[in-house]
């Protein structure tokens, strides 16, 4: 008899800096981590990762191996729109991943909604009370000027909401 395989969920984030990650999607990442997902944030300079560690998230170097979905794991990749625009390597990896169907790809940030011919749809996630509290502490660690920590965060998804997002995210009307 073969042992049952355990399906792992991984969330890989690519961004320019930790402050943007924490301010924009830090609460959602915290909640995913607490739900058992493997969460990694790739940054150009990952040495100052204190705020991410507060959220329980590991920081790694930006340019590395691009994750792919396998039978043992499902990968979701979330990319900062400004990084997608500025980094040719990241952009080509994202587009190649989307063509291959390697997991789900989502974005956050200004200007992302108009990408892909309007094929992205804004979706909101309501943070747990714990996520709001940890996000507030993480925000304090990255900057004194970023102090607002709302109860809702917005991501931009392609096509119909993916099964991994659909349960706890609400489309923006």
C-alpha atoms as a PDB file:
ATOM      1  CA  UNK A   1       0.000   0.000   0.000  1.00  0.00           C
ATOM      2  CA  UNK A   2       1.366   3.443  -0.967  1.00  0.00           C
ATOM      3  CA  UNK A   3       1.190   6.244   1.571  1.00  0.00           C
ATOM      4  CA  UNK A   4      -1.105   9.073   0.566  1.00  0.00           C
ATOM      5  CA  UNK A   5       0.670  12.066  -0.931  1.00  0.00           C
ATOM      6  CA  UNK A   6       0.299  15.350   0.864  1.00  0.00           C
ATOM      7  CA  UNK A   7      -0.476  18.313  -1.357  1.00  0.00           C
ATOM      8  CA  UNK A   8       1.526  21.410  -0.401  1.00  0.00           C
ATOM      9  CA  UNK A   9       0.454  24.956  -1.151  1.00  0.00           C
ATOM     10  CA  UNK A  10       3.184  27.492  -1.837  1.00  0.00           C
ATOM     11  CA  UNK A  11       2.851  31.234  -2.200  1.00  0.00           C
ATOM     12  CA  UNK A  12       5.786  33.007  -3.827  1.00  0.00           C
ATOM     13  CA  UNK A  13       5.893  36.788  -3.862  1.00  0.00           C
ATOM     14  CA  UNK A  14       8.203  38.952  -5.954  1.00  0.00           C
ATOM     15  CA  UNK A  15       8.642  42.608  -5.037  1.00  0.00           C
ATOM     16  CA  UNK A  16      11.048  45.547  -4.927  1.00  0.00           C
ATOM     17  CA  UNK A  17      11.023  45.987  -1.141  1.00  0.00           C
ATOM     18  CA  UNK A  18       9.635  44.580   2.073  1.00  0.00           C
ATOM     19  CA  UNK A  19       7.767  47.779   2.966  1.00  0.00           C
ATOM     20  CA  UNK A  20       5.553  47.497  -0.118  1.00  0.00           C
ATOM     21  CA  UNK A  21       4.871  43.815   0.548  1.00  0.00           C
ATOM     22  CA  UNK A  22       3.900  44.440   4.163  1.00  0.00           C
ATOM     23  CA  UNK A  23       1.768  47.510   3.400  1.00  0.00           C
ATOM     24  CA  UNK A  24      -0.019  46.012   0.382  1.00  0.00           C
ATOM     25  CA  UNK A  25      -0.510  42.284   1.071  1.00  0.00           C
ATOM     26  CA  UNK A  26       1.196  41.550   4.409  1.00  0.00           C
ATOM     27  CA  UNK A  27      -1.989  40.571   6.218  1.00  0.00           C
ATOM     28  CA  UNK A  28      -3.067  38.173   3.478  1.00  0.00           C
ATOM     29  CA  UNK A  29       0.394  36.585   3.471  1.00  0.00           C
ATOM     30  CA  UNK A  30       0.252  36.207   7.260  1.00  0.00           C
ATOM     31  CA  UNK A  31      -3.136  34.481   7.082  1.00  0.00           C
ATOM     32  CA  UNK A  32      -1.917  32.139   4.342  1.00  0.00           C
ATOM     33  CA  UNK A  33       1.178  31.259   6.389  1.00  0.00           C
ATOM     34  CA  UNK A  34      -0.942  30.539   9.463  1.00  0.00           C
ATOM     35  CA  UNK A  35      -3.154  28.289   7.297  1.00  0.00           C
ATOM     36  CA  UNK A  36      -0.097  26.152   6.541  1.00  0.00           C
ATOM     37  CA  UNK A  37       1.048  27.581   3.215  1.00  0.00           C
ATOM     38  CA  UNK A  38       4.736  27.912   2.480  1.00  0.00           C
ATOM     39  CA  UNK A  39       5.223  31.657   1.912  1.00  0.00           C
ATOM     40  CA  UNK A  40       8.398  33.149   0.430  1.00  0.00           C
ATOM     41  CA  UNK A  41       9.102  36.737  -0.609  1.00  0.00           C
ATOM     42  CA  UNK A  42      11.817  37.360  -3.217  1.00  0.00           C
ATOM     43  CA  UNK A  43      13.469  40.791  -3.012  1.00  0.00           C
ATOM     44  CA  UNK A  44      16.472  42.441  -4.725  1.00  0.00           C
ATOM     45  CA  UNK A  45      17.919  43.057  -1.240  1.00  0.00           C
ATOM     46  CA  UNK A  46      16.579  40.477   1.199  1.00  0.00           C
ATOM     47  CA  UNK A  47      18.970  41.236   4.074  1.00  0.00           C
ATOM     48  CA  UNK A  48      16.591  43.573   5.921  1.00  0.00           C
ATOM     49  CA  UNK A  49      13.795  41.072   6.431  1.00  0.00           C
ATOM     50  CA  UNK A  50      12.725  41.870  10.005  1.00  0.00           C
ATOM     51  CA  UNK A  51       9.202  42.984   9.018  1.00  0.00           C
ATOM     52  CA  UNK A  52       8.679  39.825   6.973  1.00  0.00           C
ATOM     53  CA  UNK A  53       9.917  37.641   9.831  1.00  0.00           C
ATOM     54  CA  UNK A  54       7.303  39.300  12.076  1.00  0.00           C
ATOM     55  CA  UNK A  55       4.701  37.962   9.620  1.00  0.00           C
ATOM     56  CA  UNK A  56       6.325  34.494   9.635  1.00  0.00           C
ATOM     57  CA  UNK A  57       7.601  34.877   6.080  1.00  0.00           C
ATOM     58  CA  UNK A  58      10.981  33.936   4.638  1.00  0.00           C
ATOM     59  CA  UNK A  59      12.833  36.392   2.362  1.00  0.00           C
ATOM     60  CA  UNK A  60      15.070  35.182  -0.484  1.00  0.00           C
ATOM     61  CA  UNK A  61      17.040  36.708  -3.352  1.00  0.00           C
ATOM     62  CA  UNK A  62      14.900  37.927  -6.251  1.00  0.00           C
ATOM     63  CA  UNK A  63      16.573  36.230  -9.205  1.00  0.00           C
ATOM     64  CA  UNK A  64      16.423  32.504  -8.694  1.00  0.00           C
ATOM     65  CA  UNK A  65      14.585  29.449  -9.930  1.00  0.00           C
ATOM     66  CA  UNK A  66      11.007  30.115 -11.023  1.00  0.00           C
ATOM     67  CA  UNK A  67       8.587  27.781  -9.186  1.00  0.00           C
ATOM     68  CA  UNK A  68       6.324  25.388 -11.047  1.00  0.00           C
ATOM     69  CA  UNK A  69       3.263  23.417 -10.036  1.00  0.00           C
ATOM     70  CA  UNK A  70       3.845  19.681  -9.600  1.00  0.00           C
ATOM     71  CA  UNK A  71       1.718  16.780  -8.422  1.00  0.00           C
ATOM     72  CA  UNK A  72       2.956  17.349  -4.863  1.00  0.00           C
ATOM     73  CA  UNK A  73       2.552  21.121  -4.685  1.00  0.00           C
ATOM     74  CA  UNK A  74       0.426  23.934  -5.994  1.00  0.00           C
ATOM     75  CA  UNK A  75       2.228  27.218  -6.517  1.00  0.00           C
ATOM     76  CA  UNK A  76       0.688  30.674  -6.506  1.00  0.00           C
ATOM     77  CA  UNK A  77       2.890  33.592  -7.522  1.00  0.00           C
ATOM     78  CA  UNK A  78       2.078  37.196  -6.651  1.00  0.00           C
ATOM     79  CA  UNK A  79       4.068  40.011  -8.267  1.00  0.00           C
ATOM     80  CA  UNK A  80       4.302  43.725  -7.548  1.00  0.00           C
ATOM     81  CA  UNK A  81       3.170  45.602 -10.671  1.00  0.00           C
ATOM     82  CA  UNK A  82       6.100  48.022 -10.498  1.00  0.00           C
ATOM     83  CA  UNK A  83       8.593  45.146 -10.448  1.00  0.00           C
ATOM     84  CA  UNK A  84       6.838  43.485 -13.389  1.00  0.00           C
ATOM     85  CA  UNK A  85       7.221  46.733 -15.360  1.00  0.00           C
ATOM     86  CA  UNK A  86      10.841  47.406 -14.388  1.00  0.00           C
ATOM     87  CA  UNK A  87      12.525  43.984 -14.475  1.00  0.00           C
ATOM     88  CA  UNK A  88      12.771  42.235 -17.859  1.00  0.00           C
ATOM     89  CA  UNK A  89      13.800  38.907 -16.283  1.00  0.00           C
ATOM     90  CA  UNK A  90      10.845  38.873 -13.905  1.00  0.00           C
ATOM     91  CA  UNK A  91       8.455  39.879 -16.687  1.00  0.00           C
ATOM     92  CA  UNK A  92       9.676  37.136 -19.041  1.00  0.00           C
ATOM     93  CA  UNK A  93       9.479  34.513 -16.255  1.00  0.00           C
ATOM     94  CA  UNK A  94       5.936  35.572 -15.376  1.00  0.00           C
ATOM     95  CA  UNK A  95       4.740  35.530 -18.972  1.00  0.00           C
ATOM     96  CA  UNK A  96       6.386  32.145 -19.643  1.00  0.00           C
ATOM     97  CA  UNK A  97       4.831  30.743 -16.460  1.00  0.00           C
ATOM     98  CA  UNK A  98       1.411  32.027 -17.474  1.00  0.00           C
ATOM     99  CA  UNK A  99       1.739  30.454 -20.947  1.00  0.00           C
ATOM    100  CA  UNK A 100       2.713  27.092 -19.415  1.00  0.00           C
ATOM    101  CA  UNK A 101      -0.059  27.254 -16.829  1.00  0.00           C
ATOM    102  CA  UNK A 102       2.374  26.909 -13.904  1.00  0.00           C
ATOM    103  CA  UNK A 103       0.015  27.663 -11.046  1.00  0.00           C
ATOM    104  CA  UNK A 104      -1.857  30.877 -10.390  1.00  0.00           C
ATOM    105  CA  UNK A 105      -0.398  34.335 -10.978  1.00  0.00           C
ATOM    106  CA  UNK A 106      -1.714  37.487  -9.317  1.00  0.00           C
ATOM    107  CA  UNK A 107      -0.552  41.100  -9.013  1.00  0.00           C
ATOM    108  CA  UNK A 108      -0.860  44.053  -6.696  1.00  0.00           C
ATOM    109  CA  UNK A 109      -0.074  47.723  -7.054  1.00  0.00           C
ATOM    110  CA  UNK A 110      -0.899  50.834  -9.017  1.00  0.00           C
ATOM    111  CA  UNK A 111      -1.422  50.401 -12.725  1.00  0.00           C
ATOM    112  CA  UNK A 112      -1.738  46.620 -12.668  1.00  0.00           C
ATOM    113  CA  UNK A 113      -5.474  46.608 -13.418  1.00  0.00           C
ATOM    114  CA  UNK A 114      -4.947  47.686 -17.058  1.00  0.00           C
ATOM    115  CA  UNK A 115      -2.503  44.875 -17.845  1.00  0.00           C
ATOM    116  CA  UNK A 116      -3.263  41.963 -20.150  1.00  0.00           C
ATOM    117  CA  UNK A 117      -6.012  43.741 -22.074  1.00  0.00           C
ATOM    118  CA  UNK A 118      -8.166  44.266 -19.022  1.00  0.00           C
ATOM    119  CA  UNK A 119      -8.008  40.571 -18.129  1.00  0.00           C
ATOM    120  CA  UNK A 120      -7.183  41.300 -14.487  1.00  0.00           C
ATOM    121  CA  UNK A 121      -9.933  41.699 -11.915  1.00  0.00           C
ATOM    122  CA  UNK A 122      -9.578  43.381  -8.533  1.00  0.00           C
ATOM    123  CA  UNK A 123     -10.363  41.039  -5.643  1.00  0.00           C
ATOM    124  CA  UNK A 124     -10.417  41.891  -1.954  1.00  0.00           C
ATOM    125  CA  UNK A 125      -9.370  39.840   1.039  1.00  0.00           C
ATOM    126  CA  UNK A 126     -10.622  40.609   4.569  1.00  0.00           C
ATOM    127  CA  UNK A 127      -7.792  40.144   7.093  1.00  0.00           C
ATOM    128  CA  UNK A 128      -8.209  38.174  10.292  1.00  0.00           C
ATOM    129  CA  UNK A 129      -7.797  40.045  13.563  1.00  0.00           C
ATOM    130  CA  UNK A 130      -4.420  38.339  14.074  1.00  0.00           C
ATOM    131  CA  UNK A 131      -3.257  39.386  10.593  1.00  0.00           C
ATOM    132  CA  UNK A 132      -4.212  42.988  11.323  1.00  0.00           C
ATOM    133  CA  UNK A 133      -2.244  42.944  14.580  1.00  0.00           C
ATOM    134  CA  UNK A 134       0.880  41.321  13.115  1.00  0.00           C
ATOM    135  CA  UNK A 135       0.721  43.562  10.044  1.00  0.00           C
ATOM    136  CA  UNK A 136       0.654  46.641  12.282  1.00  0.00           C
ATOM    137  CA  UNK A 137       3.837  45.447  14.037  1.00  0.00           C
ATOM    138  CA  UNK A 138       5.496  44.632  10.703  1.00  0.00           C
ATOM    139  CA  UNK A 139       4.597  48.077   9.353  1.00  0.00           C
ATOM    140  CA  UNK A 140       6.217  49.659  12.400  1.00  0.00           C
ATOM    141  CA  UNK A 141       9.374  47.649  11.662  1.00  0.00           C
ATOM    142  CA  UNK A 142       9.696  48.869   8.053  1.00  0.00           C
ATOM    143  CA  UNK A 143       8.854  52.523   8.462  1.00  0.00           C
ATOM    144  CA  UNK A 144       7.518  55.101  10.843  1.00  0.00           C
ATOM    145  CA  UNK A 145       5.692  56.773   7.946  1.00  0.00           C
ATOM    146  CA  UNK A 146       3.569  53.741   6.991  1.00  0.00           C
ATOM    147  CA  UNK A 147       1.111  53.449   9.847  1.00  0.00           C
ATOM    148  CA  UNK A 148      -2.218  52.574   8.258  1.00  0.00           C
ATOM    149  CA  UNK A 149      -3.212  48.964   8.434  1.00  0.00           C
ATOM    150  CA  UNK A 150      -6.680  48.361   7.029  1.00  0.00           C
ATOM    151  CA  UNK A 151      -8.835  45.294   7.360  1.00  0.00           C
ATOM    152  CA  UNK A 152      -8.958  44.692   3.583  1.00  0.00           C
ATOM    153  CA  UNK A 153      -6.228  44.103   0.987  1.00  0.00           C
ATOM    154  CA  UNK A 154      -6.634  44.017  -2.798  1.00  0.00           C
ATOM    155  CA  UNK A 155      -5.044  41.654  -5.324  1.00  0.00           C
ATOM    156  CA  UNK A 156      -5.495  41.521  -9.080  1.00  0.00           C
ATOM    157  CA  UNK A 157      -6.276  38.119 -10.557  1.00  0.00           C
ATOM    158  CA  UNK A 158      -6.384  36.987 -14.161  1.00  0.00           C
ATOM    159  CA  UNK A 159      -9.565  35.470 -15.614  1.00  0.00           C
ATOM    160  CA  UNK A 160     -12.071  33.994 -13.210  1.00  0.00           C
ATOM    161  CA  UNK A 161     -11.007  33.850  -9.549  1.00  0.00           C
ATOM    162  CA  UNK A 162      -8.855  30.798  -8.987  1.00  0.00           C
ATOM    163  CA  UNK A 163     -10.004  28.056  -6.665  1.00  0.00           C
ATOM    164  CA  UNK A 164      -7.150  28.911  -4.297  1.00  0.00           C
ATOM    165  CA  UNK A 165      -8.423  32.461  -3.946  1.00  0.00           C
ATOM    166  CA  UNK A 166     -12.169  32.054  -4.368  1.00  0.00           C
ATOM    167  CA  UNK A 167     -13.073  30.856  -0.881  1.00  0.00           C
ATOM    168  CA  UNK A 168     -12.051  33.973   0.992  1.00  0.00           C
ATOM    169  CA  UNK A 169     -11.721  36.732  -1.579  1.00  0.00           C
ATOM    170  CA  UNK A 170     -14.495  38.937  -2.889  1.00  0.00           C
ATOM    171  CA  UNK A 171     -14.549  40.557  -6.359  1.00  0.00           C
ATOM    172  CA  UNK A 172     -14.540  44.354  -6.307  1.00  0.00           C
ATOM    173  CA  UNK A 173     -17.673  45.684  -8.019  1.00  0.00           C
END
